[in-house]
Amino acid sequence: MNKVLKLMSAALVLLLSFGFAGAGADTLKEVRDRGAVNCVINTGLTGFAFPNDAGDWEGFDVSFCQAVAAAVLGDKTKVRYVNATGKTRFTLLNSGEGDLLSRNTTWTYSRDADLGLTFAGVNYYDGQGFIAHKSLGLTSAKELDGASICIQTGTTTELNLADFFRTNNISYEPVAIETNEEARVFYEKGRCDAYTTDASGLAATRAVLADPSAHVILDDIISKEPLGPAVREGDERWGDIVRWTLNVMINAEEYGVTKSNAKRMAKGTDNPEVNRMLGSEGELGAMLGLSKDFGLNVVSQVGNYGEVFDKYLAPLGLKRGLNALYKDGGLLYAPPMR
């Protein structure tokens, strides 16, 4: 009997370590009792998560953390940031140190089914690419045969890279690094011929190189990388809150609700969809345990999706492309607010 009990205890510990600790949790209550959203973000990636001159974190992914805080606590500043590498991000989320992961993370089958994560949606459609020293004269990633390539460990890029070189019957020398900053230093010093990560990350990296013009981002895109925020499995309401925070930001852009006009529009418009989103009609907030004006708080304090994109990603030279609204030829399409 003792042996059986020990085995059961060991199995329970294993389950908890893989994220089942979220089962039955009330994250909304925990966040309100704490007075802050614990948000897992990057250790530093220009445009997505970076400290400004005052030492405060900002960026595309950071803004989503703030949007969730605005929705839940009515104040976008009520966020505690937890910095994570590609290796540590899931552990920090599943251990309970983070309530939300907002760190350029790809939604994959194994992460959804095996790691105990629930993805709230896609907030950036991306793909893996390569940056190389222009002096090499490369025009295609297929010309990287025998090259040394910097790659972040604990990411989907490792398998993608191996698959690409195997498929094209060429070889490479991997140079393992932990963070994007480490990759930038290694690459700029010539310790690797090329660096591979999501195309958005390459644009962020090139923007902070000493001479961006000396480097070329190759045209090859070798994978699909739908990036998005994630939470632990086991708390459906918290997952819905994060999901609908993202949907509010996308819908707000579609309906022309901006940071500057949201409060005026919250007094009532001719569009019932907008009225429900901003809380002047209906009780959508109550369905999630939130205030009726949670959508208003999100948009008036953080902005709609397009505003956040334009503020942080457009300066990197990134175009909307697939990340445009569906009506503008992109893939962004949020369910209706009704």
Protein backbone atom coordinates (compact mmCIF):
# COMPACT_ATOMS: atom_id res chain seq x y z
CA MET A 1 0.00 0.00 0.00
CA ASN A 2 2.82 2.41 0.91
CA LYS A 3 4.39 1.77 -2.47
CA VAL A 4 1.10 2.60 -4.22
CA LEU A 5 0.71 5.79 -2.22
CA LYS A 6 4.25 6.86 -3.08
CA LEU A 7 3.59 6.26 -6.76
CA MET A 8 0.35 8.25 -6.59
CA SER A 9 2.13 11.09 -4.81
CA ALA A 10 4.90 11.12 -7.41
CA ALA A 11 2.33 11.18 -10.20
CA LEU A 12 0.57 14.14 -8.58
CA VAL A 13 3.83 16.10 -8.35
CA LEU A 14 4.50 15.36 -12.01
CA LEU A 15 1.05 16.57 -13.03
CA LEU A 16 1.45 19.77 -11.08
CA SER A 17 4.84 20.42 -12.61
CA PHE A 18 3.29 20.34 -16.07
CA GLY A 19 0.72 22.99 -15.38
CA PHE A 20 -2.22 21.18 -13.82
CA ALA A 21 -1.81 23.45 -10.79
CA GLY A 22 -4.19 25.80 -12.57
CA ALA A 23 -7.11 23.41 -12.25
CA GLY A 24 -9.85 24.94 -10.12
CA ALA A 25 -7.89 28.16 -9.64
CA ASP A 26 -9.58 31.55 -9.41
CA THR A 27 -6.95 33.74 -11.02
CA LEU A 28 -9.27 36.75 -11.20
CA LYS A 29 -9.68 36.72 -7.41
CA GLU A 30 -5.95 36.22 -6.89
CA VAL A 31 -5.14 39.17 -9.16
CA ARG A 32 -7.66 41.41 -7.41
CA ASP A 33 -6.43 40.39 -3.95
CA ARG A 34 -2.85 41.06 -5.06
CA GLY A 35 -3.73 44.29 -6.83
CA ALA A 36 -1.60 43.49 -9.88
CA VAL A 37 -1.35 41.18 -12.89
CA ASN A 38 1.85 39.15 -12.90
CA CYS A 39 2.85 39.16 -16.56
CA VAL A 40 5.67 37.07 -18.04
CA ILE A 41 7.52 39.08 -20.72
CA ASN A 42 10.77 38.99 -22.68
CA THR A 43 14.13 39.83 -21.14
CA GLY A 44 14.38 42.55 -23.77
CA LEU A 45 13.31 42.84 -27.40
CA THR A 46 13.03 46.23 -29.08
CA GLY A 47 9.44 47.04 -30.00
CA PHE A 48 7.97 44.17 -28.02
CA ALA A 49 9.32 44.44 -24.47
CA PHE A 50 12.04 46.90 -23.50
CA PRO A 51 12.82 49.38 -20.70
CA ASN A 52 12.43 53.02 -21.67
CA ASP A 53 14.69 55.87 -20.53
CA ALA A 54 12.88 55.96 -17.19
CA GLY A 55 13.42 52.23 -16.68
CA ASP A 56 9.75 51.37 -17.21
CA TRP A 57 8.85 48.45 -19.45
CA GLU A 58 6.95 49.15 -22.64
CA GLY A 59 6.31 47.62 -26.05
CA PHE A 60 3.78 45.65 -28.06
CA ASP A 61 3.70 42.66 -25.69
CA VAL A 62 3.95 44.85 -22.60
CA SER A 63 0.93 46.85 -23.80
CA PHE A 64 -1.14 43.69 -23.78
CA CYS A 65 -0.18 43.06 -20.15
CA GLN A 66 -1.36 46.59 -19.43
CA ALA A 67 -4.60 46.02 -21.36
CA VAL A 68 -5.43 43.01 -19.17
CA ALA A 69 -4.68 45.06 -16.04
CA ALA A 70 -6.98 47.81 -17.32
CA ALA A 71 -9.75 45.28 -18.00
CA VAL A 72 -9.47 43.56 -14.62
CA LEU A 73 -8.27 46.30 -12.24
CA GLY A 74 -9.26 49.44 -14.12
CA ASP A 75 -5.65 50.63 -14.13
CA LYS A 76 -3.11 49.71 -16.80
CA THR A 77 -0.19 50.38 -14.44
CA LYS A 78 -1.13 47.55 -12.09
CA VAL A 79 1.30 45.08 -13.63
CA ARG A 80 4.25 43.21 -12.16
CA TYR A 81 6.60 42.16 -14.95
CA VAL A 82 8.37 38.80 -14.78
CA ASN A 83 11.23 38.57 -17.28
CA ALA A 84 11.77 35.20 -18.94
CA THR A 85 13.96 33.55 -21.54
CA GLY A 86 12.70 31.08 -24.11
CA LYS A 87 13.59 28.27 -21.70
CA THR A 88 12.04 29.69 -18.52
CA ARG A 89 8.80 31.30 -19.77
CA PHE A 90 6.57 28.22 -19.50
CA THR A 91 7.96 27.20 -16.12
CA LEU A 92 7.31 30.66 -14.73
CA LEU A 93 3.74 30.63 -16.02
CA ASN A 94 2.88 27.10 -14.91
CA SER A 95 4.51 27.54 -11.50
CA GLY A 96 2.10 30.40 -10.77
CA GLU A 97 4.74 33.15 -10.85
CA GLY A 98 2.90 34.59 -13.83
CA ASP A 99 -0.83 34.94 -14.48
CA LEU A 100 -0.27 35.63 -18.15
CA LEU A 101 2.46 35.00 -20.72
CA SER A 102 2.85 37.85 -23.21
CA ARG A 103 6.23 37.12 -24.76
CA ASN A 104 6.33 36.59 -28.57
CA THR A 105 5.33 32.94 -28.11
CA THR A 106 4.25 30.66 -30.95
CA TRP A 107 0.98 28.76 -30.59
CA THR A 108 1.80 25.13 -31.47
CA TYR A 109 0.11 21.77 -31.06
CA SER A 110 2.51 20.49 -28.40
CA ARG A 111 2.42 23.67 -26.35
CA ASP A 112 -1.37 23.62 -26.39
CA ALA A 113 -1.84 19.89 -25.79
CA ASP A 114 1.23 18.89 -23.77
CA LEU A 115 2.45 21.89 -21.77
CA GLY A 116 -0.85 22.75 -20.12
CA LEU A 117 -1.27 26.11 -21.85
CA THR A 118 -4.34 27.86 -23.20
CA PHE A 119 -3.65 30.38 -25.96
CA ALA A 120 -6.00 33.36 -25.97
CA GLY A 121 -5.62 34.03 -29.68
CA VAL A 122 -3.08 35.35 -32.16
CA ASN A 123 -1.88 38.92 -31.78
CA TYR A 124 0.94 38.73 -34.34
CA TYR A 125 1.23 36.49 -37.40
CA ASP A 126 4.92 35.88 -37.98
CA GLY A 127 7.38 33.50 -39.62
CA GLN A 128 10.97 32.47 -39.02
CA GLY A 129 13.67 34.15 -41.07
CA PHE A 130 17.37 34.94 -41.15
CA ILE A 131 19.57 38.00 -40.80
CA ALA A 132 23.10 37.87 -42.20
CA HIS A 133 26.09 40.13 -42.66
CA LYS A 134 25.65 41.90 -46.00
CA SER A 135 29.34 41.36 -46.73
CA LEU A 136 28.61 37.65 -47.25
CA GLY A 137 26.65 38.53 -50.39
CA LEU A 138 23.78 36.15 -49.63
CA THR A 139 20.45 36.34 -51.41
CA SER A 140 18.84 33.20 -49.98
CA ALA A 141 18.97 31.12 -46.83
CA LYS A 142 19.74 28.13 -49.05
CA GLU A 143 23.19 29.65 -49.54
CA LEU A 144 23.99 29.22 -45.82
CA ASP A 145 25.52 25.76 -46.33
CA GLY A 146 28.19 25.27 -43.65
CA ALA A 147 27.41 28.58 -41.95
CA SER A 148 27.39 29.16 -38.20
CA ILE A 149 23.94 30.28 -37.06
CA CYS A 150 22.92 31.81 -33.74
CA ILE A 151 19.71 30.35 -32.37
CA GLN A 152 17.80 30.78 -29.10
CA THR A 153 17.38 27.59 -27.12
CA GLY A 154 13.96 26.55 -25.86
CA THR A 155 12.18 27.96 -28.91
CA THR A 156 10.37 26.58 -31.95
CA THR A 157 13.17 27.99 -34.12
CA GLU A 158 15.50 25.10 -33.20
CA LEU A 159 13.35 22.43 -34.83
CA ASN A 160 12.39 24.70 -37.73
CA LEU A 161 16.05 25.35 -38.46
CA ALA A 162 16.97 21.66 -38.38
CA ASP A 163 14.02 20.82 -40.65
CA PHE A 164 14.93 23.53 -43.16
CA PHE A 165 18.56 22.46 -43.51
CA ARG A 166 17.67 18.78 -43.64
CA THR A 167 15.03 19.37 -46.32
CA ASN A 168 17.50 21.34 -48.43
CA ASN A 169 20.35 18.86 -47.83
CA ILE A 170 22.71 21.49 -46.45
CA SER A 171 24.60 21.73 -43.16
CA TYR A 172 25.08 24.36 -40.47
CA GLU A 173 26.82 24.90 -37.17
CA PRO A 174 24.38 25.94 -34.41
CA VAL A 175 25.54 28.56 -31.91
CA ALA A 176 23.23 28.27 -28.92
CA ILE A 177 22.26 31.44 -27.05
CA GLU A 178 19.71 32.19 -24.30
CA THR A 179 18.40 35.68 -25.07
CA ASN A 180 17.96 38.00 -28.02
CA GLU A 181 20.51 40.39 -26.53
CA GLU A 182 23.08 37.60 -26.34
CA ALA A 183 22.30 36.73 -29.96
CA ARG A 184 22.80 40.36 -31.00
CA VAL A 185 26.21 40.52 -29.32
CA PHE A 186 27.36 37.18 -30.75
CA TYR A 187 26.12 38.02 -34.23
CA GLU A 188 27.50 41.56 -34.32
CA LYS A 189 30.92 40.34 -33.18
CA GLY A 190 30.96 37.76 -35.97
CA ARG A 191 30.70 34.69 -33.76
CA CYS A 192 27.96 33.50 -36.09
CA ASP A 193 27.40 34.20 -39.78
CA ALA A 194 23.64 34.55 -39.39
CA TYR A 195 20.95 34.74 -36.74
CA THR A 196 17.55 33.10 -37.05
CA THR A 197 14.34 33.91 -35.20
CA ASP A 198 10.90 35.31 -36.00
CA ALA A 199 11.03 37.96 -38.72
CA SER A 200 9.69 40.54 -36.28
CA GLY A 201 12.55 39.75 -33.90
CA LEU A 202 15.05 40.14 -36.73
CA ALA A 203 13.69 43.62 -37.48
CA ALA A 204 13.98 44.48 -33.79
CA THR A 205 17.55 43.20 -33.68
CA ARG A 206 18.69 45.02 -36.83
CA ALA A 207 17.24 48.29 -35.52
CA VAL A 208 19.70 48.34 -32.61
CA LEU A 209 22.83 47.19 -34.46
CA ALA A 210 25.66 49.72 -34.77
CA ASP A 211 25.19 49.87 -38.54
CA PRO A 212 21.82 48.40 -39.57
CA SER A 213 22.61 48.95 -43.25
CA ALA A 214 25.45 46.41 -43.03
CA HIS A 215 22.99 43.60 -42.46
CA VAL A 216 20.32 42.02 -44.62
CA ILE A 217 17.16 40.17 -43.61
CA LEU A 218 16.82 37.42 -46.19
CA ASP A 219 13.51 36.96 -47.97
CA ASP A 220 13.15 33.32 -46.93
CA ILE A 221 10.39 32.61 -44.40
CA ILE A 222 10.67 28.98 -43.32
CA SER A 223 7.76 28.53 -40.92
CA LYS A 224 4.40 29.70 -39.61
CA GLU A 225 4.70 31.47 -36.26
CA PRO A 226 1.31 32.57 -34.90
CA LEU A 227 2.30 34.49 -31.78
CA GLY A 228 -0.09 35.13 -28.94
CA PRO A 229 -0.69 35.46 -25.20
CA ALA A 230 -1.17 32.32 -23.12
CA VAL A 231 -2.45 31.33 -19.69
CA ARG A 232 -2.43 28.12 -17.66
CA GLU A 233 -5.12 25.55 -18.35
CA GLY A 234 -7.72 24.99 -15.65
CA ASP A 235 -9.22 28.46 -15.21
CA GLU A 236 -11.69 29.00 -18.04
CA ARG A 237 -12.89 32.39 -16.84
CA TRP A 238 -9.37 33.84 -16.70
CA GLY A 239 -8.67 32.49 -20.17
CA ASP A 240 -11.85 34.16 -21.42
CA ILE A 241 -10.85 37.47 -19.83
CA VAL A 242 -7.49 37.46 -21.59
CA ARG A 243 -9.08 36.34 -24.88
CA TRP A 244 -11.72 39.06 -24.84
CA THR A 245 -9.22 41.73 -23.89
CA LEU A 246 -7.46 40.95 -27.16
CA ASN A 247 -10.78 40.86 -29.03
CA VAL A 248 -11.71 44.28 -27.65
CA MET A 249 -8.48 45.77 -29.00
CA ILE A 250 -9.06 44.28 -32.45
CA ASN A 251 -12.76 45.16 -32.58
CA ALA A 252 -11.99 48.69 -31.41
CA GLU A 253 -9.73 49.26 -34.39
CA GLU A 254 -12.37 47.88 -36.76
CA TYR A 255 -15.02 50.23 -35.39
CA GLY A 256 -12.80 53.30 -35.17
CA VAL A 257 -12.68 53.44 -31.38
CA THR A 258 -9.36 54.97 -30.31
CA LYS A 259 -7.56 55.98 -27.17
CA SER A 260 -8.57 59.58 -27.74
CA ASN A 261 -12.25 59.12 -28.62
CA ALA A 262 -13.21 56.09 -26.51
CA LYS A 263 -14.63 58.05 -23.57
CA ARG A 264 -16.71 60.22 -25.87
CA MET A 265 -18.02 57.21 -27.75
CA ALA A 266 -18.82 55.49 -24.44
CA LYS A 267 -21.61 58.06 -23.97
CA GLY A 268 -23.46 56.26 -26.75
CA THR A 269 -23.21 55.76 -30.50
CA ASP A 270 -25.45 54.55 -33.32
CA ASN A 271 -23.57 51.23 -33.33
CA PRO A 272 -24.92 48.73 -30.75
CA GLU A 273 -21.72 46.68 -31.07
CA VAL A 274 -19.62 49.63 -29.96
CA ASN A 275 -22.06 50.47 -27.18
CA ARG A 276 -21.88 46.95 -25.78
CA MET A 277 -18.08 46.90 -26.05
CA LEU A 278 -17.71 50.18 -24.16
CA GLY A 279 -20.41 49.40 -21.60
CA SER A 280 -23.11 51.92 -22.43
CA GLU A 281 -25.47 49.05 -23.31
CA GLY A 282 -25.84 45.54 -21.97
CA GLU A 283 -23.90 43.70 -19.27
CA LEU A 284 -21.08 41.96 -21.12
CA GLY A 285 -18.60 42.71 -18.34
CA ALA A 286 -20.68 40.92 -15.74
CA MET A 287 -20.49 37.70 -17.75
CA LEU A 288 -16.74 37.62 -17.03
CA GLY A 289 -16.90 39.05 -13.52
CA LEU A 290 -15.69 42.42 -14.76
CA SER A 291 -17.09 45.94 -14.67
CA LYS A 292 -19.38 46.95 -17.53
CA ASP A 293 -16.80 49.46 -18.77
CA PHE A 294 -13.88 47.01 -18.93
CA GLY A 295 -13.65 47.50 -22.71
CA LEU A 296 -13.60 51.25 -22.29
CA ASN A 297 -10.75 50.95 -19.79
CA VAL A 298 -8.75 48.83 -22.23
CA VAL A 299 -9.07 51.19 -25.19
CA SER A 300 -8.96 54.53 -23.35
CA GLN A 301 -5.86 53.57 -21.37
CA VAL A 302 -3.91 51.41 -23.84
CA GLY A 303 -5.43 51.94 -27.29
CA ASN A 304 -6.77 49.72 -30.03
CA TYR A 305 -4.68 47.09 -31.80
CA GLY A 306 -3.64 49.37 -34.64
CA GLU A 307 -2.55 52.16 -32.30
CA VAL A 308 -0.29 49.82 -30.35
CA PHE A 309 1.14 48.35 -33.56
CA ASP A 310 1.85 51.80 -35.00
CA LYS A 311 3.50 52.99 -31.80
CA TYR A 312 5.87 50.09 -31.26
CA LEU A 313 6.24 47.96 -34.39
CA ALA A 314 5.87 50.33 -37.33
CA PRO A 315 9.05 52.22 -36.31
CA LEU A 316 10.96 48.95 -36.81
CA GLY A 317 9.90 48.95 -40.45
CA LEU A 318 7.32 46.21 -39.90
CA LYS A 319 4.26 46.46 -42.15
CA ARG A 320 0.79 45.35 -41.13
CA GLY A 321 0.65 42.63 -43.81
CA LEU A 322 -1.05 39.56 -42.36
CA ASN A 323 -1.60 41.58 -39.18
CA ALA A 324 -4.00 43.98 -40.87
CA LEU A 325 -7.72 43.71 -40.22
CA TYR A 326 -9.54 41.17 -42.39
CA LYS A 327 -11.37 43.98 -44.18
CA ASP A 328 -7.99 45.41 -45.17
CA GLY A 329 -6.67 42.12 -46.51
CA GLY A 330 -5.13 40.78 -43.29
CA LEU A 331 -5.99 37.93 -40.93
CA LEU A 332 -7.16 39.86 -37.86
CA TYR A 333 -10.80 39.01 -37.21
CA ALA A 334 -12.34 39.22 -33.76
CA PRO A 335 -15.69 37.65 -32.76
CA PRO A 336 -18.59 40.07 -32.23
CA MET A 337 -19.38 41.75 -28.92
CA ARG A 338 -22.84 40.37 -28.32
